[in-house]
Amino acid sequence: MSETITFADFERVEIRVGTIVEVEAFPEARKPAYKLKIDFGPEIGIKKSSAQITVHYQPEDLVGRQIMAVVNFPPRQIGPVRSEVLTLGFEDEAGAIVLAAIDKPIPNGRKLM
């Protein structure tokens, strides 16, 4: 387990819901990944992300899916892609990423409370 943080620390992390609107292969990535465009609503807009989720997901299954992402980290250059948000997921037993799930529709841009 990691060090304990305060509630104020948690509040500084902006985890928002967004809808995947575009998925592309990312053959230049060191590990298999997709390039995602995610709509976080009018306040935040559409942001780019790279996600190593190719084991469990096909591109056609991802478009229209709502995901959670950290939207207030600084952008990170991943090869030729500038990843603007961190898409959230968990490792399964084999180390493949499973997306953090939302079980009911939520307006894009809403913050995790």
PDB file of N, CA and C in Angstrom:
ATOM      1  N   MET A   1       0.838  -1.180   0.000  1.00  0.00           N
ATOM      2  CA  MET A   1       0.000   0.000   0.000  1.00  0.00           C
ATOM      3  C   MET A   1       0.883   1.243   0.000  1.00  0.00           C
ATOM      4  N   SER A   2       0.417   2.296  -0.646  1.00  0.00           N
ATOM      5  CA  SER A   2       1.154   3.554  -0.740  1.00  0.00           C
ATOM      6  C   SER A   2       0.996   4.372   0.534  1.00  0.00           C
ATOM      7  N   GLU A   3       1.693   5.487   0.572  1.00  0.00           N
ATOM      8  CA  GLU A   3       1.573   6.374   1.721  1.00  0.00           C
ATOM      9  C   GLU A   3       0.154   6.942   1.803  1.00  0.00           C
ATOM     10  N   THR A   4      -0.267   7.295   2.989  1.00  0.00           N
ATOM     11  CA  THR A   4      -1.577   7.886   3.212  1.00  0.00           C
ATOM     12  C   THR A   4      -1.573   9.328   2.719  1.00  0.00           C
ATOM     13  N   ILE A   5      -2.675   9.722   2.057  1.00  0.00           N
ATOM     14  CA  ILE A   5      -2.830  11.109   1.620  1.00  0.00           C
ATOM     15  C   ILE A   5      -4.019  11.723   2.349  1.00  0.00           C
ATOM     16  N   THR A   6      -4.119  13.017   2.263  1.00  0.00           N
ATOM     17  CA  THR A   6      -5.248  13.699   2.887  1.00  0.00           C
ATOM     18  C   THR A   6      -6.403  13.785   1.899  1.00  0.00           C
ATOM     19  N   PHE A   7      -7.587  14.101   2.397  1.00  0.00           N
ATOM     20  CA  PHE A   7      -8.737  14.289   1.519  1.00  0.00           C
ATOM     21  C   PHE A   7      -8.471  15.461   0.577  1.00  0.00           C
ATOM     22  N   ALA A   8      -7.786  16.480   1.057  1.00  0.00           N
ATOM     23  CA  ALA A   8      -7.441  17.633   0.213  1.00  0.00           C
ATOM     24  C   ALA A   8      -6.554  17.195  -0.955  1.00  0.00           C
ATOM     25  N   ASP A   9      -5.631  16.246  -0.715  1.00  0.00           N
ATOM     26  CA  ASP A   9      -4.812  15.712  -1.805  1.00  0.00           C
ATOM     27  C   ASP A   9      -5.700  15.046  -2.854  1.00  0.00           C
ATOM     28  N   PHE A  10      -6.644  14.238  -2.419  1.00  0.00           N
ATOM     29  CA  PHE A  10      -7.560  13.539  -3.318  1.00  0.00           C
ATOM     30  C   PHE A  10      -8.381  14.529  -4.144  1.00  0.00           C
ATOM     31  N   GLU A  11      -8.839  15.591  -3.504  1.00  0.00           N
ATOM     32  CA  GLU A  11      -9.676  16.579  -4.189  1.00  0.00           C
ATOM     33  C   GLU A  11      -8.930  17.288  -5.325  1.00  0.00           C
ATOM     34  N   ARG A  12      -7.607  17.324  -5.244  1.00  0.00           N
ATOM     35  CA  ARG A  12      -6.812  17.976  -6.287  1.00  0.00           C
ATOM     36  C   ARG A  12      -6.736  17.146  -7.565  1.00  0.00           C
ATOM     37  N   VAL A  13      -6.989  15.846  -7.481  1.00  0.00           N
ATOM     38  CA  VAL A  13      -6.956  14.983  -8.660  1.00  0.00           C
ATOM     39  C   VAL A  13      -8.322  15.052  -9.338  1.00  0.00           C
ATOM     40  N   GLU A  14      -8.344  15.524 -10.579  1.00  0.00           N
ATOM     41  CA  GLU A  14      -9.601  15.671 -11.321  1.00  0.00           C
ATOM     42  C   GLU A  14      -9.836  14.418 -12.154  1.00  0.00           C
ATOM     43  N   ILE A  15     -10.651  13.514 -11.626  1.00  0.00           N
ATOM     44  CA  ILE A  15     -11.053  12.331 -12.372  1.00  0.00           C
ATOM     45  C   ILE A  15     -12.416  12.644 -12.955  1.00  0.00           C
ATOM     46  N   ARG A  16     -12.471  12.661 -14.289  1.00  0.00           N
ATOM     47  CA  ARG A  16     -13.694  13.040 -14.991  1.00  0.00           C
ATOM     48  C   ARG A  16     -14.151  11.918 -15.911  1.00  0.00           C
ATOM     49  N   VAL A  17     -15.447  11.932 -16.220  1.00  0.00           N
ATOM     50  CA  VAL A  17     -16.007  10.965 -17.164  1.00  0.00           C
ATOM     51  C   VAL A  17     -16.001  11.585 -18.556  1.00  0.00           C
ATOM     52  N   GLY A  18     -15.681  10.744 -19.537  1.00  0.00           N
ATOM     53  CA  GLY A  18     -15.704  11.172 -20.928  1.00  0.00           C
ATOM     54  C   GLY A  18     -16.133  10.022 -21.818  1.00  0.00           C
ATOM     55  N   THR A  19     -16.514  10.354 -23.040  1.00  0.00           N
ATOM     56  CA  THR A  19     -16.934   9.349 -24.011  1.00  0.00           C
ATOM     57  C   THR A  19     -15.887   9.260 -25.122  1.00  0.00           C
ATOM     58  N   ILE A  20     -15.441   8.046 -25.399  1.00  0.00           N
ATOM     59  CA  ILE A  20     -14.480   7.827 -26.478  1.00  0.00           C
ATOM     60  C   ILE A  20     -15.186   8.104 -27.809  1.00  0.00           C
ATOM     61  N   VAL A  21     -14.612   9.012 -28.595  1.00  0.00           N
ATOM     62  CA  VAL A  21     -15.216   9.367 -29.883  1.00  0.00           C
ATOM     63  C   VAL A  21     -14.391   8.878 -31.067  1.00  0.00           C
ATOM     64  N   GLU A  22     -13.132   8.529 -30.830  1.00  0.00           N
ATOM     65  CA  GLU A  22     -12.284   8.040 -31.916  1.00  0.00           C
ATOM     66  C   GLU A  22     -11.193   7.144 -31.356  1.00  0.00           C
ATOM     67  N   VAL A  23     -10.899   6.061 -32.078  1.00  0.00           N
ATOM     68  CA  VAL A  23      -9.843   5.125 -31.694  1.00  0.00           C
ATOM     69  C   VAL A  23      -8.992   4.832 -32.921  1.00  0.00           C
ATOM     70  N   GLU A  24      -7.673   4.910 -32.758  1.00  0.00           N
ATOM     71  CA  GLU A  24      -6.744   4.563 -33.835  1.00  0.00           C
ATOM     72  C   GLU A  24      -5.685   3.617 -33.291  1.00  0.00           C
ATOM     73  N   ALA A  25      -5.161   2.785 -34.172  1.00  0.00           N
ATOM     74  CA  ALA A  25      -4.014   1.952 -33.802  1.00  0.00           C
ATOM     75  C   ALA A  25      -2.832   2.870 -33.496  1.00  0.00           C
ATOM     76  N   PHE A  26      -1.928   2.392 -32.665  1.00  0.00           N
ATOM     77  CA  PHE A  26      -0.742   3.156 -32.286  1.00  0.00           C
ATOM     78  C   PHE A  26       0.476   2.244 -32.460  1.00  0.00           C
ATOM     79  N   PRO A  27       0.831   1.937 -33.718  1.00  0.00           N
ATOM     80  CA  PRO A  27       1.906   0.973 -33.969  1.00  0.00           C
ATOM     81  C   PRO A  27       3.285   1.429 -33.495  1.00  0.00           C
ATOM     82  N   GLU A  28       3.481   2.742 -33.294  1.00  0.00           N
ATOM     83  CA  GLU A  28       4.781   3.249 -32.846  1.00  0.00           C
ATOM     84  C   GLU A  28       5.013   3.044 -31.354  1.00  0.00           C
ATOM     85  N   ALA A  29       3.978   2.699 -30.602  1.00  0.00           N
ATOM     86  CA  ALA A  29       4.103   2.530 -29.149  1.00  0.00           C
ATOM     87  C   ALA A  29       5.004   1.334 -28.824  1.00  0.00           C
ATOM     88  N   ARG A  30       5.743   1.436 -27.720  1.00  0.00           N
ATOM     89  CA  ARG A  30       6.609   0.322 -27.281  1.00  0.00           C
ATOM     90  C   ARG A  30       5.788  -0.908 -26.938  1.00  0.00           C
ATOM     91  N   LYS A  31       4.654  -0.707 -26.268  1.00  0.00           N
ATOM     92  CA  LYS A  31       3.725  -1.793 -25.950  1.00  0.00           C
ATOM     93  C   LYS A  31       2.454  -1.544 -26.749  1.00  0.00           C
ATOM     94  N   PRO A  32       1.740  -2.600 -27.173  1.00  0.00           N
ATOM     95  CA  PRO A  32       0.520  -2.389 -27.965  1.00  0.00           C
ATOM     96  C   PRO A  32      -0.441  -1.409 -27.279  1.00  0.00           C
ATOM     97  N   ALA A  33      -0.907  -0.437 -28.059  1.00  0.00           N
ATOM     98  CA  ALA A  33      -1.766   0.613 -27.495  1.00  0.00           C
ATOM     99  C   ALA A  33      -2.660   1.188 -28.584  1.00  0.00           C
ATOM    100  N   TYR A  34      -3.655   1.940 -28.140  1.00  0.00           N
ATOM    101  CA  TYR A  34      -4.516   2.708 -29.030  1.00  0.00           C
ATOM    102  C   TYR A  34      -4.331   4.186 -28.732  1.00  0.00           C
ATOM    103  N   LYS A  35      -4.573   5.013 -29.761  1.00  0.00           N
ATOM    104  CA  LYS A  35      -4.687   6.455 -29.578  1.00  0.00           C
ATOM    105  C   LYS A  35      -6.184   6.740 -29.467  1.00  0.00           C
ATOM    106  N   LEU A  36      -6.568   7.416 -28.402  1.00  0.00           N
ATOM    107  CA  LEU A  36      -7.975   7.707 -28.145  1.00  0.00           C
ATOM    108  C   LEU A  36      -8.226   9.212 -28.213  1.00  0.00           C
ATOM    109  N   LYS A  37      -9.410   9.579 -28.696  1.00  0.00           N
ATOM    110  CA  LYS A  37      -9.927  10.937 -28.533  1.00  0.00           C
ATOM    111  C   LYS A  37     -11.167  10.786 -27.668  1.00  0.00           C
ATOM    112  N   ILE A  38     -11.198  11.569 -26.585  1.00  0.00           N
ATOM    113  CA  ILE A  38     -12.239  11.427 -25.570  1.00  0.00           C
ATOM    114  C   ILE A  38     -12.927  12.769 -25.367  1.00  0.00           C
ATOM    115  N   ASP A  39     -14.258  12.762 -25.435  1.00  0.00           N
ATOM    116  CA  ASP A  39     -15.057  13.979 -25.253  1.00  0.00           C
ATOM    117  C   ASP A  39     -15.408  14.130 -23.777  1.00  0.00           C
ATOM    118  N   PHE A  40     -14.909  15.198 -23.167  1.00  0.00           N
ATOM    119  CA  PHE A  40     -15.181  15.491 -21.760  1.00  0.00           C
ATOM    120  C   PHE A  40     -16.194  16.623 -21.594  1.00  0.00           C
ATOM    121  N   GLY A  41     -16.986  16.887 -22.614  1.00  0.00           N
ATOM    122  CA  GLY A  41     -18.022  17.905 -22.513  1.00  0.00           C
ATOM    123  C   GLY A  41     -17.500  19.287 -22.842  1.00  0.00           C
ATOM    124  N   PRO A  42     -18.406  20.292 -22.837  1.00  0.00           N
ATOM    125  CA  PRO A  42     -18.055  21.638 -23.307  1.00  0.00           C
ATOM    126  C   PRO A  42     -16.994  22.348 -22.464  1.00  0.00           C
ATOM    127  N   GLU A  43     -16.921  22.081 -21.177  1.00  0.00           N
ATOM    128  CA  GLU A  43     -15.958  22.777 -20.318  1.00  0.00           C
ATOM    129  C   GLU A  43     -14.517  22.354 -20.620  1.00  0.00           C
ATOM    130  N   ILE A  44     -14.296  21.063 -20.875  1.00  0.00           N
ATOM    131  CA  ILE A  44     -12.948  20.519 -21.070  1.00  0.00           C
ATOM    132  C   ILE A  44     -12.662  20.232 -22.543  1.00  0.00           C
ATOM    133  N   GLY A  45     -13.666  19.772 -23.273  1.00  0.00           N
ATOM    134  CA  GLY A  45     -13.499  19.487 -24.691  1.00  0.00           C
ATOM    135  C   GLY A  45     -13.000  18.080 -24.968  1.00  0.00           C
ATOM    136  N   ILE A  46     -12.498  17.898 -26.177  1.00  0.00           N
ATOM    137  CA  ILE A  46     -11.976  16.600 -26.604  1.00  0.00           C
ATOM    138  C   ILE A  46     -10.487  16.569 -26.329  1.00  0.00           C
ATOM    139  N   LYS A  47     -10.048  15.513 -25.657  1.00  0.00           N
ATOM    140  CA  LYS A  47      -8.645  15.335 -25.290  1.00  0.00           C
ATOM    141  C   LYS A  47      -8.124  14.029 -25.854  1.00  0.00           C
ATOM    142  N   LYS A  48      -6.799  13.972 -26.062  1.00  0.00           N
ATOM    143  CA  LYS A  48      -6.142  12.777 -26.586  1.00  0.00           C
ATOM    144  C   LYS A  48      -5.511  11.981 -25.444  1.00  0.00           C
ATOM    145  N   SER A  49      -5.487  10.662 -25.637  1.00  0.00           N
ATOM    146  CA  SER A  49      -4.850   9.785 -24.672  1.00  0.00           C
ATOM    147  C   SER A  49      -4.292   8.575 -25.410  1.00  0.00           C
ATOM    148  N   SER A  50      -3.275   7.986 -24.836  1.00  0.00           N
ATOM    149  CA  SER A  50      -2.753   6.709 -25.308  1.00  0.00           C
ATOM    150  C   SER A  50      -3.099   5.690 -24.231  1.00  0.00           C
ATOM    151  N   ALA A  51      -3.601   4.531 -24.648  1.00  0.00           N
ATOM    152  CA  ALA A  51      -4.014   3.527 -23.664  1.00  0.00           C
ATOM    153  C   ALA A  51      -3.604   2.131 -24.124  1.00  0.00           C
ATOM    154  N   GLN A  52      -2.950   1.404 -23.228  1.00  0.00           N
ATOM    155  CA  GLN A  52      -2.519   0.032 -23.508  1.00  0.00           C
ATOM    156  C   GLN A  52      -3.652  -0.940 -23.168  1.00  0.00           C
ATOM    157  N   ILE A  53      -4.698  -0.904 -23.972  1.00  0.00           N
ATOM    158  CA  ILE A  53      -5.911  -1.687 -23.686  1.00  0.00           C
ATOM    159  C   ILE A  53      -6.258  -2.633 -24.838  1.00  0.00           C
ATOM    160  N   THR A  54      -5.263  -2.992 -25.636  1.00  0.00           N
ATOM    161  CA  THR A  54      -5.517  -3.786 -26.841  1.00  0.00           C
ATOM    162  C   THR A  54      -5.862  -5.243 -26.563  1.00  0.00           C
ATOM    163  N   VAL A  55      -5.518  -5.768 -25.397  1.00  0.00           N
ATOM    164  CA  VAL A  55      -5.792  -7.181 -25.096  1.00  0.00           C
ATOM    165  C   VAL A  55      -7.290  -7.425 -24.952  1.00  0.00           C
ATOM    166  N   HIS A  56      -7.978  -6.560 -24.239  1.00  0.00           N
ATOM    167  CA  HIS A  56      -9.392  -6.786 -23.924  1.00  0.00           C
ATOM    168  C   HIS A  56     -10.379  -6.021 -24.804  1.00  0.00           C
ATOM    169  N   TYR A  57      -9.894  -5.070 -25.622  1.00  0.00           N
ATOM    170  CA  TYR A  57     -10.813  -4.201 -26.354  1.00  0.00           C
ATOM    171  C   TYR A  57     -10.420  -4.060 -27.821  1.00  0.00           C
ATOM    172  N   GLN A  58     -11.421  -4.067 -28.685  1.00  0.00           N
ATOM    173  CA  GLN A  58     -11.255  -3.765 -30.105  1.00  0.00           C
ATOM    174  C   GLN A  58     -11.717  -2.326 -30.333  1.00  0.00           C
ATOM    175  N   PRO A  59     -11.136  -1.625 -31.312  1.00  0.00           N
ATOM    176  CA  PRO A  59     -11.520  -0.225 -31.536  1.00  0.00           C
ATOM    177  C   PRO A  59     -13.022  -0.015 -31.684  1.00  0.00           C
ATOM    178  N   GLU A  60     -13.684  -0.882 -32.421  1.00  0.00           N
ATOM    179  CA  GLU A  60     -15.120  -0.706 -32.649  1.00  0.00           C
ATOM    180  C   GLU A  60     -15.947  -0.858 -31.374  1.00  0.00           C
ATOM    181  N   ASP A  61     -15.398  -1.553 -30.373  1.00  0.00           N
ATOM    182  CA  ASP A  61     -16.105  -1.713 -29.094  1.00  0.00           C
ATOM    183  C   ASP A  61     -15.898  -0.521 -28.170  1.00  0.00           C
ATOM    184  N   LEU A  62     -14.910   0.311 -28.464  1.00  0.00           N
ATOM    185  CA  LEU A  62     -14.571   1.433 -27.586  1.00  0.00           C
ATOM    186  C   LEU A  62     -15.296   2.725 -27.943  1.00  0.00           C
ATOM    187  N   VAL A  63     -15.548   2.954 -29.219  1.00  0.00           N
ATOM    188  CA  VAL A  63     -16.223   4.197 -29.629  1.00  0.00           C
ATOM    189  C   VAL A  63     -17.611   4.242 -29.000  1.00  0.00           C
ATOM    190  N   GLY A  64     -17.909   5.339 -28.302  1.00  0.00           N
ATOM    191  CA  GLY A  64     -19.181   5.501 -27.608  1.00  0.00           C
ATOM    192  C   GLY A  64     -19.151   5.048 -26.157  1.00  0.00           C
ATOM    193  N   ARG A  65     -18.062   4.423 -25.749  1.00  0.00           N
ATOM    194  CA  ARG A  65     -17.941   3.935 -24.369  1.00  0.00           C
ATOM    195  C   ARG A  65     -17.491   5.076 -23.456  1.00  0.00           C
ATOM    196  N   GLN A  66     -18.100   5.154 -22.287  1.00  0.00           N
ATOM    197  CA  GLN A  66     -17.672   6.141 -21.294  1.00  0.00           C
ATOM    198  C   GLN A  66     -16.539   5.559 -20.458  1.00  0.00           C
ATOM    199  N   ILE A  67     -15.561   6.407 -20.185  1.00  0.00           N
ATOM    200  CA  ILE A  67     -14.394   6.015 -19.395  1.00  0.00           C
ATOM    201  C   ILE A  67     -14.129   7.083 -18.336  1.00  0.00           C
ATOM    202  N   MET A  68     -13.201   6.775 -17.440  1.00  0.00           N
ATOM    203  CA  MET A  68     -12.735   7.744 -16.447  1.00  0.00           C
ATOM    204  C   MET A  68     -11.288   8.083 -16.765  1.00  0.00           C
ATOM    205  N   ALA A  69     -10.928   9.351 -16.561  1.00  0.00           N
ATOM    206  CA  ALA A  69      -9.554   9.775 -16.801  1.00  0.00           C
ATOM    207  C   ALA A  69      -9.190  10.915 -15.866  1.00  0.00           C
ATOM    208  N   VAL A  70      -7.897  10.990 -15.560  1.00  0.00           N
ATOM    209  CA  VAL A  70      -7.367  12.135 -14.829  1.00  0.00           C
ATOM    210  C   VAL A  70      -7.101  13.207 -15.876  1.00  0.00           C
ATOM    211  N   VAL A  71      -7.730  14.374 -15.695  1.00  0.00           N
ATOM    212  CA  VAL A  71      -7.634  15.429 -16.703  1.00  0.00           C
ATOM    213  C   VAL A  71      -6.712  16.579 -16.302  1.00  0.00           C
ATOM    214  N   ASN A  72      -6.156  16.547 -15.081  1.00  0.00           N
ATOM    215  CA  ASN A  72      -5.317  17.681 -14.667  1.00  0.00           C
ATOM    216  C   ASN A  72      -3.854  17.303 -14.432  1.00  0.00           C
ATOM    217  N   PHE A  73      -3.382  16.224 -15.054  1.00  0.00           N
ATOM    218  CA  PHE A  73      -1.949  15.959 -15.120  1.00  0.00           C
ATOM    219  C   PHE A  73      -1.387  16.760 -16.293  1.00  0.00           C
ATOM    220  N   PRO A  74      -0.105  17.087 -16.259  1.00  0.00           N
ATOM    221  CA  PRO A  74       0.465  17.754 -17.435  1.00  0.00           C
ATOM    222  C   PRO A  74       0.497  16.774 -18.616  1.00  0.00           C
ATOM    223  N   PRO A  75       0.387  17.280 -19.846  1.00  0.00           N
ATOM    224  CA  PRO A  75       0.477  16.395 -21.014  1.00  0.00           C
ATOM    225  C   PRO A  75       1.806  15.649 -21.018  1.00  0.00           C
ATOM    226  N   ARG A  76       1.785  14.456 -21.610  1.00  0.00           N
ATOM    227  CA  ARG A  76       2.971  13.599 -21.632  1.00  0.00           C
ATOM    228  C   ARG A  76       3.211  13.145 -23.070  1.00  0.00           C
ATOM    229  N   GLN A  77       4.428  13.286 -23.529  1.00  0.00           N
ATOM    230  CA  GLN A  77       4.770  12.858 -24.883  1.00  0.00           C
ATOM    231  C   GLN A  77       5.051  11.362 -24.872  1.00  0.00           C
ATOM    232  N   ILE A  78       4.299  10.617 -25.668  1.00  0.00           N
ATOM    233  CA  ILE A  78       4.482   9.170 -25.782  1.00  0.00           C
ATOM    234  C   ILE A  78       4.741   8.894 -27.256  1.00  0.00           C
ATOM    235  N   GLY A  79       6.011   8.825 -27.613  1.00  0.00           N
ATOM    236  CA  GLY A  79       6.361   8.711 -29.023  1.00  0.00           C
ATOM    237  C   GLY A  79       5.840   9.932 -29.753  1.00  0.00           C
ATOM    238  N   PRO A  80       5.142   9.717 -30.870  1.00  0.00           N
ATOM    239  CA  PRO A  80       4.626  10.862 -31.623  1.00  0.00           C
ATOM    240  C   PRO A  80       3.314  11.429 -31.077  1.00  0.00           C
ATOM    241  N   VAL A  81       2.790  10.837 -30.001  1.00  0.00           N
ATOM    242  CA  VAL A  81       1.493  11.252 -29.463  1.00  0.00           C
ATOM    243  C   VAL A  81       1.671  12.072 -28.191  1.00  0.00           C
ATOM    244  N   ARG A  82       0.952  13.168 -28.116  1.00  0.00           N
ATOM    245  CA  ARG A  82       0.929  13.966 -26.879  1.00  0.00           C
ATOM    246  C   ARG A  82      -0.329  13.558 -26.120  1.00  0.00           C
ATOM    247  N   SER A  83      -0.151  12.776 -25.054  1.00  0.00           N
ATOM    248  CA  SER A  83      -1.272  12.297 -24.255  1.00  0.00           C
ATOM    249  C   SER A  83      -1.657  13.389 -23.266  1.00  0.00           C
ATOM    250  N   GLU A  84      -2.917  13.834 -23.361  1.00  0.00           N
ATOM    251  CA  GLU A  84      -3.373  14.975 -22.566  1.00  0.00           C
ATOM    252  C   GLU A  84      -4.087  14.567 -21.279  1.00  0.00           C
ATOM    253  N   VAL A  85      -4.554  13.313 -21.217  1.00  0.00           N
ATOM    254  CA  VAL A  85      -5.239  12.805 -20.026  1.00  0.00           C
ATOM    255  C   VAL A  85      -4.760  11.388 -19.754  1.00  0.00           C
ATOM    256  N   LEU A  86      -4.933  10.926 -18.525  1.00  0.00           N
ATOM    257  CA  LEU A  86      -4.570   9.561 -18.135  1.00  0.00           C
ATOM    258  C   LEU A  86      -5.847   8.735 -18.020  1.00  0.00           C
ATOM    259  N   THR A  87      -6.052   7.833 -18.976  1.00  0.00           N
ATOM    260  CA  THR A  87      -7.211   6.946 -18.963  1.00  0.00           C
ATOM    261  C   THR A  87      -6.987   5.898 -17.874  1.00  0.00           C
ATOM    262  N   LEU A  88      -8.014   5.664 -17.053  1.00  0.00           N
ATOM    263  CA  LEU A  88      -7.850   4.809 -15.875  1.00  0.00           C
ATOM    264  C   LEU A  88      -8.285   3.370 -16.118  1.00  0.00           C
ATOM    265  N   GLY A  89      -7.509   2.453 -15.568  1.00  0.00           N
ATOM    266  CA  GLY A  89      -7.812   1.033 -15.654  1.00  0.00           C
ATOM    267  C   GLY A  89      -7.029   0.265 -14.602  1.00  0.00           C
ATOM    268  N   PHE A  90      -7.273  -1.025 -14.570  1.00  0.00           N
ATOM    269  CA  PHE A  90      -6.644  -1.920 -13.606  1.00  0.00           C
ATOM    270  C   PHE A  90      -5.993  -3.078 -14.341  1.00  0.00           C
ATOM    271  N   GLU A  91      -4.883  -3.602 -13.801  1.00  0.00           N
ATOM    272  CA  GLU A  91      -4.264  -4.793 -14.374  1.00  0.00           C
ATOM    273  C   GLU A  91      -5.047  -6.030 -13.977  1.00  0.00           C
ATOM    274  N   ASP A  92      -5.269  -6.940 -14.950  1.00  0.00           N
ATOM    275  CA  ASP A  92      -5.861  -8.231 -14.608  1.00  0.00           C
ATOM    276  C   ASP A  92      -4.746  -9.172 -14.135  1.00  0.00           C
ATOM    277  N   GLU A  93      -5.054 -10.449 -13.958  1.00  0.00           N
ATOM    278  CA  GLU A  93      -4.060 -11.411 -13.441  1.00  0.00           C
ATOM    279  C   GLU A  93      -2.837 -11.511 -14.336  1.00  0.00           C
ATOM    280  N   ALA A  94      -3.017 -11.296 -15.637  1.00  0.00           N
ATOM    281  CA  ALA A  94      -1.919 -11.423 -16.593  1.00  0.00           C
ATOM    282  C   ALA A  94      -1.220 -10.090 -16.871  1.00  0.00           C
ATOM    283  N   GLY A  95      -1.680  -9.013 -16.242  1.00  0.00           N
ATOM    284  CA  GLY A  95      -1.070  -7.704 -16.441  1.00  0.00           C
ATOM    285  C   GLY A  95      -1.690  -6.876 -17.551  1.00  0.00           C
ATOM    286  N   ALA A  96      -2.740  -7.397 -18.199  1.00  0.00           N
ATOM    287  CA  ALA A  96      -3.440  -6.629 -19.237  1.00  0.00           C
ATOM    288  C   ALA A  96      -4.388  -5.638 -18.573  1.00  0.00           C
ATOM    289  N   ILE A  97      -4.577  -4.481 -19.197  1.00  0.00           N
ATOM    290  CA  ILE A  97      -5.387  -3.419 -18.596  1.00  0.00           C
ATOM    291  C   ILE A  97      -6.870  -3.596 -18.906  1.00  0.00           C
ATOM    292  N   VAL A  98      -7.673  -3.473 -17.853  1.00  0.00           N
ATOM    293  CA  VAL A  98      -9.137  -3.466 -17.937  1.00  0.00           C
ATOM    294  C   VAL A  98      -9.574  -2.065 -17.532  1.00  0.00           C
ATOM    295  N   LEU A  99     -10.373  -1.425 -18.373  1.00  0.00           N
ATOM    296  CA  LEU A  99     -10.816  -0.059 -18.084  1.00  0.00           C
ATOM    297  C   LEU A  99     -11.636   0.016 -16.802  1.00  0.00           C
ATOM    298  N   ALA A 100     -11.439   1.094 -16.049  1.00  0.00           N
ATOM    299  CA  ALA A 100     -12.300   1.378 -14.901  1.00  0.00           C
ATOM    300  C   ALA A 100     -13.699   1.637 -15.467  1.00  0.00           C
ATOM    301  N   ALA A 101     -14.710   0.992 -14.914  1.00  0.00           N
ATOM    302  CA  ALA A 101     -16.037   0.989 -15.520  1.00  0.00           C
ATOM    303  C   ALA A 101     -16.999   1.974 -14.871  1.00  0.00           C
ATOM    304  N   ILE A 102     -17.904   2.463 -15.706  1.00  0.00           N
ATOM    305  CA  ILE A 102     -19.035   3.286 -15.282  1.00  0.00           C
ATOM    306  C   ILE A 102     -20.271   2.485 -15.663  1.00  0.00           C
ATOM    307  N   ASP A 103     -21.161   2.227 -14.708  1.00  0.00           N
ATOM    308  CA  ASP A 103     -22.271   1.315 -15.014  1.00  0.00           C
ATOM    309  C   ASP A 103     -23.576   1.995 -15.420  1.00  0.00           C
ATOM    310  N   LYS A 104     -23.636   3.321 -15.382  1.00  0.00           N
ATOM    311  CA  LYS A 104     -24.817   4.073 -15.841  1.00  0.00           C
ATOM    312  C   LYS A 104     -24.319   5.301 -16.596  1.00  0.00           C
ATOM    313  N   PRO A 105     -25.061   5.783 -17.599  1.00  0.00           N
ATOM    314  CA  PRO A 105     -24.623   6.969 -18.335  1.00  0.00           C
ATOM    315  C   PRO A 105     -24.500   8.195 -17.418  1.00  0.00           C
ATOM    316  N   ILE A 106     -23.421   8.938 -17.623  1.00  0.00           N
ATOM    317  CA  ILE A 106     -23.123  10.145 -16.845  1.00  0.00           C
ATOM    318  C   ILE A 106     -22.815  11.258 -17.853  1.00  0.00           C
ATOM    319  N   PRO A 107     -23.251  12.492 -17.624  1.00  0.00           N
ATOM    320  CA  PRO A 107     -22.877  13.574 -18.538  1.00  0.00           C
ATOM    321  C   PRO A 107     -21.353  13.727 -18.617  1.00  0.00           C
ATOM    322  N   ASN A 108     -20.852  13.854 -19.833  1.00  0.00           N
ATOM    323  CA  ASN A 108     -19.406  14.032 -20.025  1.00  0.00           C
ATOM    324  C   ASN A 108     -18.898  15.218 -19.222  1.00  0.00           C
ATOM    325  N   GLY A 109     -17.733  15.025 -18.602  1.00  0.00           N
ATOM    326  CA  GLY A 109     -17.089  16.086 -17.836  1.00  0.00           C
ATOM    327  C   GLY A 109     -17.365  16.042 -16.348  1.00  0.00           C
ATOM    328  N   ARG A 110     -18.312  15.229 -15.916  1.00  0.00           N
ATOM    329  CA  ARG A 110     -18.600  15.166 -14.473  1.00  0.00           C
ATOM    330  C   ARG A 110     -17.397  14.634 -13.719  1.00  0.00           C
ATOM    331  N   LYS A 111     -17.183  15.186 -12.525  1.00  0.00           N
ATOM    332  CA  LYS A 111     -16.039  14.833 -11.694  1.00  0.00           C
ATOM    333  C   LYS A 111     -16.384  13.717 -10.723  1.00  0.00           C
ATOM    334  N   LEU A 112     -15.427  12.798 -10.523  1.00  0.00           N
ATOM    335  CA  LEU A 112     -15.584  11.755  -9.517  1.00  0.00           C
ATOM    336  C   LEU A 112     -15.642  12.415  -8.146  1.00  0.00           C
ATOM    337  N   MET A 113     -16.628  12.043  -7.366  1.00  0.00           N
ATOM    338  CA  MET A 113     -16.816  12.644  -6.044  1.00  0.00           C
ATOM    339  C   MET A 113     -16.488  11.631  -4.964  1.00  0.00           C
TER     340      MET A 113
END
